[in-house]
Amino acid sequence: MKLILLGAPGAGKGTVAKLLTAVDGSVQISTGDILRGAVTAGTELGKEAAGYMKRGDLVPDSLIMGIMEARLQESDCEKGFLLDGFPRTIPQAEELTELLKKVDIQLDMAVEIDVPKDIILDRLCTRRTCENPDCQAIYNVKSNPPKVEGICDKCGAKAIQREDETEEAISHRLETYNEKTAPLIDFYKEKGLLLSVPATSSDAVIEAVKKKLNL
């Protein structure tokens, strides 16, 4: 499958993507993970992106499109891919449309995960992420806490609250999403590629996708 996952920060795009990879071997592609890895590694891209990410702002398209073109042509994308958190703006969506034509890839659909704002705020404010860039395991202090507070179960690194997941940063991210990213829903609807799933359960989203694609 070749999908775009849409939804506000905290809607569960990453969780859904991980579950979908098990369905047919498609690979999850998260620009957020790629950029955070670059920040941690201290690359030129990472240094440039760090300031935007800490404020909860969108990283400029000029830093994103080159990454995507190279990534989509890697061998592990041949079985399919799940774009998690990209595109985020109409210009990015238009550039992605042209990029997919260029590399001869046909998109199956864009899936909107529609989750109420109050649930999103609660999810993100209580989320903790392993700071090890090779792990990035995600916990929730309410529903899925690490066995030892503040320590990743998988690798032993610190499980931290990311700078962009404080209540102030989250509110800013949601405002940014509503202004710049929400219009993508209409963009893909007009192309006949939108599947909207109003659900707080990842399993419900998976079943909706499988039904739509006859999997």
N, C-alpha and C. Protein backbone atom coordinates (compact mmCIF):
# COMPACT_ATOMS: atom_id res chain seq x y z
N MET A 1 0.84 -1.20 0.00
CA MET A 1 0.00 0.00 0.00
C MET A 1 0.87 1.25 0.00
N LYS A 2 0.37 2.28 -0.63
CA LYS A 2 1.08 3.57 -0.69
C LYS A 2 0.11 4.64 -0.18
N LEU A 3 0.32 5.03 1.09
CA LEU A 3 -0.64 5.89 1.77
C LEU A 3 0.00 7.15 2.33
N ILE A 4 -0.83 8.19 2.47
CA ILE A 4 -0.50 9.36 3.26
C ILE A 4 -1.41 9.32 4.49
N LEU A 5 -0.83 9.51 5.67
CA LEU A 5 -1.62 9.54 6.90
C LEU A 5 -1.77 10.98 7.35
N LEU A 6 -3.01 11.45 7.44
CA LEU A 6 -3.31 12.82 7.85
C LEU A 6 -3.97 12.82 9.22
N GLY A 7 -3.77 13.89 9.95
CA GLY A 7 -4.38 14.03 11.27
C GLY A 7 -3.55 14.97 12.11
N ALA A 8 -4.20 15.59 13.09
CA ALA A 8 -3.50 16.53 13.96
C ALA A 8 -2.39 15.84 14.74
N PRO A 9 -1.41 16.60 15.27
CA PRO A 9 -0.40 16.00 16.15
C PRO A 9 -1.09 15.25 17.27
N GLY A 10 -0.68 14.00 17.50
CA GLY A 10 -1.29 13.21 18.56
C GLY A 10 -2.49 12.40 18.13
N ALA A 11 -2.85 12.46 16.84
CA ALA A 11 -4.01 11.70 16.34
C ALA A 11 -3.73 10.21 16.28
N GLY A 12 -2.45 9.85 16.30
CA GLY A 12 -2.09 8.43 16.27
C GLY A 12 -1.52 7.96 14.95
N LYS A 13 -1.03 8.91 14.13
CA LYS A 13 -0.50 8.54 12.81
C LYS A 13 0.65 7.54 12.92
N GLY A 14 1.57 7.78 13.86
CA GLY A 14 2.72 6.91 14.02
C GLY A 14 2.33 5.51 14.44
N THR A 15 1.39 5.40 15.37
CA THR A 15 0.91 4.09 15.84
C THR A 15 0.23 3.33 14.71
N VAL A 16 -0.64 4.03 13.98
CA VAL A 16 -1.33 3.41 12.85
C VAL A 16 -0.32 2.95 11.79
N ALA A 17 0.67 3.78 11.51
CA ALA A 17 1.67 3.42 10.51
C ALA A 17 2.41 2.15 10.90
N LYS A 18 2.81 2.05 12.17
CA LYS A 18 3.52 0.86 12.63
C LYS A 18 2.67 -0.40 12.49
N LEU A 19 1.37 -0.29 12.80
CA LEU A 19 0.47 -1.43 12.66
C LEU A 19 0.26 -1.81 11.20
N LEU A 20 0.20 -0.80 10.32
CA LEU A 20 -0.02 -1.08 8.90
C LEU A 20 1.20 -1.73 8.25
N THR A 21 2.39 -1.45 8.76
CA THR A 21 3.59 -2.08 8.18
C THR A 21 3.51 -3.59 8.29
N ALA A 22 2.81 -4.08 9.32
CA ALA A 22 2.69 -5.53 9.52
C ALA A 22 1.69 -6.17 8.56
N VAL A 23 0.87 -5.35 7.92
CA VAL A 23 -0.17 -5.88 7.03
C VAL A 23 0.43 -6.40 5.72
N ASP A 24 1.30 -5.59 5.11
CA ASP A 24 1.83 -6.01 3.80
C ASP A 24 3.30 -5.67 3.58
N GLY A 25 4.01 -5.29 4.65
CA GLY A 25 5.43 -5.02 4.50
C GLY A 25 5.77 -3.62 4.04
N SER A 26 4.75 -2.75 3.96
CA SER A 26 5.03 -1.35 3.62
C SER A 26 5.91 -0.73 4.70
N VAL A 27 6.71 0.27 4.32
CA VAL A 27 7.63 0.89 5.27
C VAL A 27 7.08 2.24 5.74
N GLN A 28 7.22 2.51 7.04
CA GLN A 28 6.79 3.79 7.60
C GLN A 28 7.85 4.84 7.32
N ILE A 29 7.42 5.98 6.81
CA ILE A 29 8.34 7.09 6.55
C ILE A 29 7.83 8.30 7.33
N SER A 30 8.57 8.68 8.35
CA SER A 30 8.22 9.82 9.18
C SER A 30 9.27 10.90 9.03
N THR A 31 8.89 12.03 8.46
CA THR A 31 9.86 13.12 8.33
C THR A 31 10.27 13.62 9.71
N GLY A 32 9.37 13.52 10.68
CA GLY A 32 9.71 13.94 12.03
C GLY A 32 10.87 13.15 12.59
N ASP A 33 10.83 11.82 12.43
CA ASP A 33 11.92 10.97 12.91
C ASP A 33 13.22 11.27 12.18
N ILE A 34 13.11 11.46 10.86
CA ILE A 34 14.30 11.77 10.05
C ILE A 34 14.94 13.07 10.53
N LEU A 35 14.11 14.08 10.74
CA LEU A 35 14.62 15.39 11.15
C LEU A 35 15.17 15.36 12.58
N ARG A 36 14.46 14.67 13.49
CA ARG A 36 14.97 14.58 14.87
C ARG A 36 16.31 13.85 14.91
N GLY A 37 16.46 12.83 14.06
CA GLY A 37 17.74 12.12 13.98
C GLY A 37 18.85 13.04 13.50
N ALA A 38 18.51 13.91 12.53
CA ALA A 38 19.51 14.85 12.01
C ALA A 38 19.88 15.88 13.08
N VAL A 39 18.91 16.30 13.88
CA VAL A 39 19.18 17.25 14.97
C VAL A 39 20.13 16.62 15.98
N THR A 40 19.83 15.38 16.37
CA THR A 40 20.67 14.68 17.35
C THR A 40 22.08 14.46 16.81
N ALA A 41 22.16 14.14 15.52
CA ALA A 41 23.46 13.87 14.91
C ALA A 41 24.25 15.16 14.66
N GLY A 42 23.57 16.30 14.73
CA GLY A 42 24.25 17.57 14.53
C GLY A 42 24.63 17.87 13.10
N THR A 43 23.87 17.29 12.14
CA THR A 43 24.15 17.56 10.72
C THR A 43 23.74 18.99 10.38
N GLU A 44 24.17 19.44 9.21
CA GLU A 44 23.81 20.80 8.80
C GLU A 44 22.30 20.95 8.70
N LEU A 45 21.64 19.91 8.14
CA LEU A 45 20.18 19.92 8.06
C LEU A 45 19.58 19.98 9.45
N GLY A 46 20.14 19.19 10.36
CA GLY A 46 19.63 19.13 11.72
C GLY A 46 19.75 20.47 12.43
N LYS A 47 20.89 21.13 12.27
CA LYS A 47 21.09 22.43 12.91
C LYS A 47 20.08 23.45 12.40
N GLU A 48 19.83 23.39 11.09
CA GLU A 48 18.90 24.35 10.48
C GLU A 48 17.46 24.07 10.93
N ALA A 49 17.14 22.77 11.04
CA ALA A 49 15.78 22.38 11.39
C ALA A 49 15.47 22.56 12.87
N ALA A 50 16.50 22.51 13.72
CA ALA A 50 16.29 22.48 15.18
C ALA A 50 15.49 23.67 15.69
N GLY A 51 15.81 24.86 15.18
CA GLY A 51 15.12 26.05 15.66
C GLY A 51 13.64 26.03 15.36
N TYR A 52 13.29 25.56 14.15
CA TYR A 52 11.88 25.48 13.78
C TYR A 52 11.14 24.47 14.67
N MET A 53 11.76 23.31 14.87
CA MET A 53 11.11 22.22 15.59
C MET A 53 10.89 22.57 17.06
N LYS A 54 11.84 23.24 17.68
CA LYS A 54 11.70 23.60 19.09
C LYS A 54 10.53 24.55 19.32
N ARG A 55 10.27 25.39 18.31
CA ARG A 55 9.16 26.34 18.43
C ARG A 55 7.82 25.70 18.04
N GLY A 56 7.88 24.49 17.48
CA GLY A 56 6.67 23.84 17.01
C GLY A 56 6.25 24.33 15.63
N ASP A 57 7.15 25.05 14.94
CA ASP A 57 6.86 25.54 13.59
C ASP A 57 7.18 24.46 12.56
N LEU A 58 6.66 24.64 11.35
CA LEU A 58 6.94 23.71 10.27
C LEU A 58 8.34 23.96 9.70
N VAL A 59 9.05 22.87 9.43
CA VAL A 59 10.35 22.97 8.79
C VAL A 59 10.12 23.36 7.32
N PRO A 60 10.91 24.30 6.76
CA PRO A 60 10.69 24.77 5.39
C PRO A 60 10.71 23.63 4.36
N ASP A 61 9.90 23.80 3.32
CA ASP A 61 9.81 22.79 2.28
C ASP A 61 11.16 22.48 1.65
N SER A 62 12.01 23.49 1.55
CA SER A 62 13.31 23.30 0.91
C SER A 62 14.16 22.25 1.62
N LEU A 63 13.91 22.07 2.93
CA LEU A 63 14.67 21.06 3.68
C LEU A 63 14.02 19.68 3.60
N ILE A 64 12.77 19.65 3.21
CA ILE A 64 12.01 18.40 3.25
C ILE A 64 12.01 17.64 1.92
N MET A 65 11.80 18.34 0.80
CA MET A 65 11.56 17.64 -0.46
C MET A 65 12.75 16.80 -0.93
N GLY A 66 13.95 17.30 -0.71
CA GLY A 66 15.13 16.52 -1.10
C GLY A 66 15.21 15.21 -0.34
N ILE A 67 14.89 15.27 0.96
CA ILE A 67 14.87 14.06 1.79
C ILE A 67 13.86 13.07 1.23
N MET A 68 12.66 13.55 0.89
CA MET A 68 11.60 12.67 0.44
C MET A 68 11.91 12.01 -0.89
N GLU A 69 12.47 12.75 -1.82
CA GLU A 69 12.77 12.18 -3.13
C GLU A 69 13.75 11.01 -3.00
N ALA A 70 14.79 11.23 -2.20
CA ALA A 70 15.77 10.16 -2.01
C ALA A 70 15.16 8.97 -1.27
N ARG A 71 14.36 9.27 -0.25
CA ARG A 71 13.81 8.19 0.59
C ARG A 71 12.84 7.30 -0.18
N LEU A 72 11.98 7.89 -1.00
CA LEU A 72 10.97 7.12 -1.72
C LEU A 72 11.57 6.19 -2.76
N GLN A 73 12.81 6.45 -3.14
CA GLN A 73 13.46 5.61 -4.15
C GLN A 73 14.37 4.55 -3.54
N GLU A 74 14.42 4.47 -2.20
CA GLU A 74 15.19 3.41 -1.57
C GLU A 74 14.47 2.08 -1.73
N SER A 75 15.22 0.99 -1.71
CA SER A 75 14.69 -0.32 -2.07
C SER A 75 13.57 -0.80 -1.14
N ASP A 76 13.60 -0.38 0.13
CA ASP A 76 12.57 -0.87 1.05
C ASP A 76 11.20 -0.27 0.79
N CYS A 77 11.12 0.73 -0.11
CA CYS A 77 9.83 1.32 -0.44
C CYS A 77 9.11 0.59 -1.57
N GLU A 78 9.77 -0.42 -2.14
CA GLU A 78 9.18 -1.12 -3.28
C GLU A 78 7.88 -1.84 -2.90
N LYS A 79 7.77 -2.34 -1.65
CA LYS A 79 6.56 -3.02 -1.22
C LYS A 79 5.44 -2.03 -0.87
N GLY A 80 5.82 -0.78 -0.69
CA GLY A 80 4.84 0.24 -0.31
C GLY A 80 5.40 1.13 0.78
N PHE A 81 4.70 2.25 1.04
CA PHE A 81 5.15 3.18 2.08
C PHE A 81 3.96 3.87 2.71
N LEU A 82 4.19 4.34 3.94
CA LEU A 82 3.18 5.05 4.71
C LEU A 82 3.79 6.38 5.11
N LEU A 83 3.35 7.46 4.51
CA LEU A 83 3.89 8.78 4.81
C LEU A 83 3.21 9.31 6.07
N ASP A 84 3.98 9.41 7.14
CA ASP A 84 3.49 9.78 8.47
C ASP A 84 3.89 11.22 8.77
N GLY A 85 2.92 12.14 8.65
CA GLY A 85 3.21 13.55 8.94
C GLY A 85 3.73 14.33 7.77
N PHE A 86 3.54 13.81 6.57
CA PHE A 86 3.96 14.52 5.35
C PHE A 86 3.03 14.09 4.22
N PRO A 87 2.57 15.04 3.40
CA PRO A 87 2.82 16.48 3.41
C PRO A 87 2.05 17.18 4.52
N ARG A 88 2.49 18.40 4.83
CA ARG A 88 1.83 19.18 5.88
C ARG A 88 1.17 20.46 5.36
N THR A 89 1.46 20.83 4.14
CA THR A 89 0.88 22.03 3.56
C THR A 89 0.45 21.74 2.12
N ILE A 90 -0.41 22.61 1.58
CA ILE A 90 -0.84 22.46 0.19
C ILE A 90 0.36 22.52 -0.77
N PRO A 91 1.28 23.49 -0.62
CA PRO A 91 2.45 23.49 -1.51
C PRO A 91 3.25 22.19 -1.44
N GLN A 92 3.42 21.62 -0.24
CA GLN A 92 4.11 20.33 -0.13
C GLN A 92 3.34 19.24 -0.86
N ALA A 93 2.01 19.25 -0.72
CA ALA A 93 1.19 18.24 -1.39
C ALA A 93 1.31 18.36 -2.90
N GLU A 94 1.34 19.59 -3.39
CA GLU A 94 1.49 19.80 -4.84
C GLU A 94 2.85 19.33 -5.31
N GLU A 95 3.89 19.63 -4.52
CA GLU A 95 5.24 19.18 -4.88
C GLU A 95 5.34 17.66 -4.80
N LEU A 96 4.69 17.07 -3.81
CA LEU A 96 4.71 15.61 -3.68
C LEU A 96 4.01 14.96 -4.87
N THR A 97 2.90 15.55 -5.31
CA THR A 97 2.19 15.03 -6.49
C THR A 97 3.11 14.99 -7.69
N GLU A 98 3.85 16.08 -7.89
CA GLU A 98 4.80 16.13 -9.01
C GLU A 98 5.95 15.15 -8.82
N LEU A 99 6.42 15.02 -7.57
CA LEU A 99 7.52 14.10 -7.27
C LEU A 99 7.11 12.65 -7.56
N LEU A 100 5.89 12.28 -7.15
CA LEU A 100 5.42 10.91 -7.38
C LEU A 100 5.29 10.62 -8.88
N LYS A 101 4.85 11.62 -9.64
CA LYS A 101 4.81 11.46 -11.11
C LYS A 101 6.22 11.24 -11.65
N LYS A 102 7.16 12.03 -11.14
CA LYS A 102 8.54 11.98 -11.60
C LYS A 102 9.17 10.61 -11.39
N VAL A 103 8.89 10.01 -10.22
CA VAL A 103 9.49 8.70 -9.90
C VAL A 103 8.53 7.55 -10.20
N ASP A 104 7.41 7.86 -10.90
CA ASP A 104 6.45 6.85 -11.36
C ASP A 104 5.88 6.02 -10.23
N ILE A 105 5.34 6.70 -9.21
CA ILE A 105 4.70 6.04 -8.08
C ILE A 105 3.24 6.48 -8.00
N GLN A 106 2.32 5.52 -7.87
CA GLN A 106 0.88 5.81 -7.79
C GLN A 106 0.42 5.74 -6.33
N LEU A 107 -0.11 6.83 -5.83
CA LEU A 107 -0.62 6.88 -4.46
C LEU A 107 -1.98 6.18 -4.39
N ASP A 108 -2.17 5.33 -3.34
CA ASP A 108 -3.46 4.65 -3.16
C ASP A 108 -4.50 5.59 -2.57
N MET A 109 -4.16 6.24 -1.46
CA MET A 109 -5.10 7.16 -0.84
C MET A 109 -4.45 7.92 0.31
N ALA A 110 -5.17 8.95 0.77
CA ALA A 110 -4.78 9.71 1.95
C ALA A 110 -5.81 9.39 3.04
N VAL A 111 -5.33 9.00 4.22
CA VAL A 111 -6.20 8.58 5.30
C VAL A 111 -6.21 9.65 6.40
N GLU A 112 -7.37 10.23 6.65
CA GLU A 112 -7.50 11.21 7.73
C GLU A 112 -7.94 10.51 9.01
N ILE A 113 -7.13 10.64 10.07
CA ILE A 113 -7.49 10.11 11.39
C ILE A 113 -8.07 11.27 12.18
N ASP A 114 -9.38 11.25 12.40
CA ASP A 114 -10.11 12.38 12.98
C ASP A 114 -10.33 12.14 14.48
N VAL A 115 -9.55 12.81 15.32
CA VAL A 115 -9.60 12.63 16.77
C VAL A 115 -9.94 13.97 17.45
N PRO A 116 -10.86 13.99 18.44
CA PRO A 116 -11.21 15.24 19.13
C PRO A 116 -10.01 15.91 19.80
N LYS A 117 -10.05 17.26 19.84
CA LYS A 117 -8.93 18.05 20.35
C LYS A 117 -8.59 17.73 21.80
N ASP A 118 -9.60 17.51 22.66
CA ASP A 118 -9.31 17.27 24.07
C ASP A 118 -8.54 15.98 24.28
N ILE A 119 -8.82 14.98 23.46
CA ILE A 119 -8.09 13.71 23.55
C ILE A 119 -6.64 13.90 23.09
N ILE A 120 -6.46 14.68 22.04
CA ILE A 120 -5.11 14.95 21.53
C ILE A 120 -4.25 15.66 22.58
N LEU A 121 -4.81 16.70 23.21
CA LEU A 121 -4.06 17.44 24.24
C LEU A 121 -3.63 16.52 25.38
N ASP A 122 -4.55 15.66 25.82
CA ASP A 122 -4.23 14.74 26.91
C ASP A 122 -3.15 13.74 26.49
N ARG A 123 -3.25 13.23 25.29
CA ARG A 123 -2.27 12.25 24.79
C ARG A 123 -0.86 12.84 24.76
N LEU A 124 -0.75 14.04 24.18
CA LEU A 124 0.58 14.61 23.97
C LEU A 124 1.22 15.13 25.26
N CYS A 125 0.43 15.71 26.13
CA CYS A 125 1.00 16.23 27.38
C CYS A 125 1.51 15.12 28.28
N THR A 126 0.98 13.92 28.10
CA THR A 126 1.39 12.79 28.94
C THR A 126 2.32 11.83 28.20
N ARG A 127 2.73 12.20 27.00
CA ARG A 127 3.61 11.32 26.21
C ARG A 127 5.07 11.52 26.59
N ARG A 128 5.81 10.44 26.59
CA ARG A 128 7.25 10.47 26.81
C ARG A 128 7.92 9.66 25.70
N THR A 129 9.07 10.14 25.23
CA THR A 129 9.76 9.51 24.11
C THR A 129 11.20 9.19 24.49
N CYS A 130 11.64 7.99 24.11
CA CYS A 130 13.04 7.63 24.36
C CYS A 130 13.95 8.59 23.60
N GLU A 131 14.95 9.14 24.30
CA GLU A 131 15.82 10.14 23.66
C GLU A 131 16.87 9.51 22.75
N ASN A 132 17.01 8.18 22.78
CA ASN A 132 17.95 7.48 21.91
C ASN A 132 17.41 7.51 20.47
N PRO A 133 18.09 8.18 19.53
CA PRO A 133 17.57 8.31 18.17
C PRO A 133 17.41 6.97 17.45
N ASP A 134 18.11 5.93 17.92
CA ASP A 134 17.99 4.61 17.29
C ASP A 134 16.83 3.81 17.88
N CYS A 135 16.20 4.35 18.92
CA CYS A 135 15.10 3.64 19.58
C CYS A 135 13.79 4.40 19.40
N GLN A 136 13.70 5.59 20.00
CA GLN A 136 12.52 6.46 19.87
C GLN A 136 11.22 5.79 20.35
N ALA A 137 11.32 4.85 21.28
CA ALA A 137 10.12 4.21 21.83
C ALA A 137 9.24 5.27 22.50
N ILE A 138 7.93 5.10 22.40
CA ILE A 138 6.97 6.07 22.92
C ILE A 138 6.20 5.48 24.09
N TYR A 139 6.06 6.26 25.15
CA TYR A 139 5.33 5.85 26.34
C TYR A 139 4.27 6.90 26.66
N ASN A 140 3.37 6.55 27.58
CA ASN A 140 2.39 7.50 28.10
C ASN A 140 2.32 7.31 29.60
N VAL A 141 2.51 8.40 30.36
CA VAL A 141 2.59 8.28 31.81
C VAL A 141 1.28 7.77 32.43
N LYS A 142 0.17 7.88 31.68
CA LYS A 142 -1.11 7.38 32.18
C LYS A 142 -1.39 5.95 31.71
N SER A 143 -1.32 5.74 30.40
CA SER A 143 -1.79 4.48 29.83
C SER A 143 -0.69 3.47 29.54
N ASN A 144 0.54 3.93 29.37
CA ASN A 144 1.63 3.01 29.02
C ASN A 144 2.96 3.53 29.56
N PRO A 145 3.09 3.63 30.89
CA PRO A 145 4.32 4.18 31.46
C PRO A 145 5.49 3.19 31.37
N PRO A 146 6.74 3.69 31.31
CA PRO A 146 7.88 2.77 31.38
C PRO A 146 7.92 2.10 32.75
N LYS A 147 8.51 0.91 32.81
CA LYS A 147 8.55 0.15 34.06
C LYS A 147 9.28 0.92 35.16
N VAL A 148 10.36 1.61 34.77
CA VAL A 148 11.08 2.49 35.69
C VAL A 148 10.84 3.92 35.21
N GLU A 149 10.32 4.77 36.08
CA GLU A 149 9.96 6.14 35.68
C GLU A 149 11.12 6.86 35.02
N GLY A 150 10.88 7.38 33.82
CA GLY A 150 11.88 8.17 33.11
C GLY A 150 12.94 7.36 32.39
N ILE A 151 12.80 6.02 32.36
CA ILE A 151 13.80 5.16 31.72
C ILE A 151 13.12 4.28 30.68
N CYS A 152 13.67 4.24 29.47
CA CYS A 152 13.12 3.42 28.39
C CYS A 152 13.26 1.93 28.71
N ASP A 153 12.17 1.19 28.57
CA ASP A 153 12.19 -0.26 28.80
C ASP A 153 13.10 -0.97 27.81
N LYS A 154 13.15 -0.46 26.58
CA LYS A 154 13.82 -1.19 25.50
C LYS A 154 15.34 -1.03 25.51
N CYS A 155 15.82 0.20 25.77
CA CYS A 155 17.27 0.43 25.62
C CYS A 155 17.93 1.04 26.85
N GLY A 156 17.14 1.47 27.83
CA GLY A 156 17.71 2.02 29.05
C GLY A 156 18.06 3.49 29.01
N ALA A 157 17.80 4.15 27.86
CA ALA A 157 18.04 5.60 27.78
C ALA A 157 16.90 6.33 28.49
N LYS A 158 17.03 7.67 28.59
CA LYS A 158 15.99 8.45 29.26
C LYS A 158 14.74 8.53 28.39
N ALA A 159 13.58 8.42 29.06
CA ALA A 159 12.30 8.66 28.39
C ALA A 159 11.85 10.06 28.79
N ILE A 160 11.86 10.97 27.84
CA ILE A 160 11.69 12.39 28.14
C ILE A 160 10.43 12.97 27.51
N GLN A 161 10.03 14.14 28.03
CA GLN A 161 8.98 14.92 27.38
C GLN A 161 9.67 15.82 26.36
N ARG A 162 9.34 15.64 25.09
CA ARG A 162 9.97 16.44 24.05
C ARG A 162 9.61 17.90 24.21
N GLU A 163 10.51 18.77 23.75
CA GLU A 163 10.28 20.22 23.86
C GLU A 163 9.03 20.66 23.12
N ASP A 164 8.65 19.92 22.07
CA ASP A 164 7.47 20.31 21.30
C ASP A 164 6.20 19.62 21.82
N GLU A 165 6.29 19.02 23.03
CA GLU A 165 5.12 18.37 23.61
C GLU A 165 4.75 18.94 24.98
N THR A 166 5.23 20.14 25.27
CA THR A 166 4.70 20.87 26.42
C THR A 166 3.33 21.43 26.01
N GLU A 167 2.52 21.81 26.98
CA GLU A 167 1.16 22.27 26.66
C GLU A 167 1.20 23.50 25.75
N GLU A 168 2.15 24.40 26.01
CA GLU A 168 2.26 25.61 25.18
C GLU A 168 2.63 25.26 23.75
N ALA A 169 3.62 24.38 23.60
CA ALA A 169 4.06 24.00 22.25
C ALA A 169 2.98 23.23 21.52
N ILE A 170 2.25 22.38 22.24
CA ILE A 170 1.18 21.60 21.62
C ILE A 170 0.08 22.50 21.10
N SER A 171 -0.31 23.49 21.89
CA SER A 171 -1.35 24.42 21.46
C SER A 171 -0.92 25.15 20.19
N HIS A 172 0.36 25.51 20.15
CA HIS A 172 0.88 26.19 18.96
C HIS A 172 0.87 25.23 17.76
N ARG A 173 1.24 23.99 17.99
CA ARG A 173 1.26 23.00 16.91
C ARG A 173 -0.14 22.76 16.35
N LEU A 174 -1.14 22.74 17.24
CA LEU A 174 -2.51 22.53 16.79
C LEU A 174 -3.01 23.73 15.98
N GLU A 175 -2.63 24.93 16.40
CA GLU A 175 -2.98 26.13 15.64
C GLU A 175 -2.35 26.08 14.25
N THR A 176 -1.07 25.68 14.21
CA THR A 176 -0.36 25.56 12.94
C THR A 176 -1.02 24.51 12.05
N TYR A 177 -1.42 23.40 12.65
CA TYR A 177 -2.08 22.33 11.90
C TYR A 177 -3.39 22.83 11.28
N ASN A 178 -4.20 23.49 12.09
CA ASN A 178 -5.50 23.96 11.60
C ASN A 178 -5.35 24.97 10.48
N GLU A 179 -4.30 25.78 10.56
CA GLU A 179 -4.08 26.82 9.55
C GLU A 179 -3.50 26.26 8.26
N LYS A 180 -2.50 25.37 8.39
CA LYS A 180 -1.73 24.98 7.21
C LYS A 180 -1.96 23.54 6.73
N THR A 181 -2.29 22.64 7.66
CA THR A 181 -2.36 21.24 7.29
C THR A 181 -3.78 20.74 7.06
N ALA A 182 -4.74 21.21 7.85
CA ALA A 182 -6.12 20.77 7.69
C ALA A 182 -6.65 20.94 6.25
N PRO A 183 -6.24 21.99 5.51
CA PRO A 183 -6.72 22.13 4.13
C PRO A 183 -6.35 20.95 3.22
N LEU A 184 -5.39 20.12 3.64
CA LEU A 184 -5.02 18.94 2.84
C LEU A 184 -6.19 17.96 2.72
N ILE A 185 -7.07 17.98 3.71
CA ILE A 185 -8.22 17.07 3.67
C ILE A 185 -9.06 17.35 2.43
N ASP A 186 -9.33 18.63 2.16
CA ASP A 186 -10.09 18.98 0.96
C ASP A 186 -9.27 18.73 -0.31
N PHE A 187 -7.96 18.96 -0.24
CA PHE A 187 -7.07 18.75 -1.38
C PHE A 187 -7.17 17.32 -1.89
N TYR A 188 -7.08 16.36 -0.97
CA TYR A 188 -7.13 14.94 -1.38
C TYR A 188 -8.55 14.46 -1.62
N LYS A 189 -9.52 15.10 -0.97
CA LYS A 189 -10.92 14.77 -1.23
C LYS A 189 -11.29 15.11 -2.66
N GLU A 190 -10.82 16.27 -3.13
CA GLU A 190 -11.10 16.69 -4.50
C GLU A 190 -10.46 15.77 -5.52
N LYS A 191 -9.35 15.12 -5.13
CA LYS A 191 -8.68 14.17 -6.03
C LYS A 191 -9.28 12.77 -5.94
N GLY A 192 -10.28 12.60 -5.06
CA GLY A 192 -10.90 11.30 -4.90
C GLY A 192 -10.02 10.30 -4.17
N LEU A 193 -9.10 10.81 -3.36
CA LEU A 193 -8.13 9.95 -2.69
C LEU A 193 -8.30 9.91 -1.17
N LEU A 194 -9.33 10.58 -0.63
CA LEU A 194 -9.44 10.70 0.82
C LEU A 194 -10.30 9.60 1.45
N LEU A 195 -9.78 9.02 2.52
CA LEU A 195 -10.56 8.15 3.40
C LEU A 195 -10.52 8.79 4.79
N SER A 196 -11.68 9.25 5.29
CA SER A 196 -11.75 9.89 6.60
C SER A 196 -12.29 8.90 7.62
N VAL A 197 -11.53 8.70 8.72
CA VAL A 197 -11.93 7.74 9.75
C VAL A 197 -12.05 8.46 11.09
N PRO A 198 -13.29 8.76 11.56
CA PRO A 198 -13.46 9.37 12.88
C PRO A 198 -13.33 8.30 13.95
N ALA A 199 -12.15 8.19 14.55
CA ALA A 199 -11.92 7.11 15.52
C ALA A 199 -10.79 7.47 16.47
N THR A 200 -10.91 7.02 17.72
CA THR A 200 -9.83 7.18 18.69
C THR A 200 -9.07 5.88 18.84
N SER A 201 -9.52 4.83 18.18
CA SER A 201 -8.87 3.52 18.25
C SER A 201 -8.05 3.26 17.00
N SER A 202 -6.79 2.91 17.18
CA SER A 202 -5.92 2.59 16.03
C SER A 202 -6.45 1.39 15.27
N ASP A 203 -6.99 0.41 15.99
CA ASP A 203 -7.51 -0.78 15.33
C ASP A 203 -8.65 -0.45 14.38
N ALA A 204 -9.49 0.53 14.76
CA ALA A 204 -10.60 0.92 13.90
C ALA A 204 -10.08 1.53 12.60
N VAL A 205 -9.00 2.30 12.69
CA VAL A 205 -8.40 2.90 11.50
C VAL A 205 -7.82 1.81 10.60
N ILE A 206 -7.13 0.84 11.20
CA ILE A 206 -6.53 -0.25 10.43
C ILE A 206 -7.62 -1.01 9.65
N GLU A 207 -8.71 -1.33 10.34
CA GLU A 207 -9.78 -2.09 9.69
C GLU A 207 -10.40 -1.30 8.55
N ALA A 208 -10.55 0.02 8.73
CA ALA A 208 -11.12 0.86 7.67
C ALA A 208 -10.22 0.88 6.44
N VAL A 209 -8.91 0.95 6.66
CA VAL A 209 -7.95 0.97 5.55
C VAL A 209 -7.97 -0.38 4.82
N LYS A 210 -7.93 -1.47 5.59
CA LYS A 210 -7.93 -2.80 4.98
C LYS A 210 -9.20 -3.04 4.16
N LYS A 211 -10.34 -2.57 4.69
CA LYS A 211 -11.60 -2.73 3.97
C LYS A 211 -11.58 -1.95 2.66
N LYS A 212 -11.07 -0.71 2.73
CA LYS A 212 -11.03 0.15 1.53
C LYS A 212 -10.13 -0.44 0.44
N LEU A 213 -9.02 -1.06 0.87
CA LEU A 213 -8.05 -1.60 -0.08
C LEU A 213 -8.27 -3.10 -0.37
N ASN A 214 -9.34 -3.64 0.21
CA ASN A 214 -9.65 -5.07 0.03
C ASN A 214 -8.50 -5.97 0.44
N LEU A 215 -7.92 -5.70 1.61
CA LEU A 215 -6.79 -6.49 2.11
C LEU A 215 -7.28 -7.54 3.11
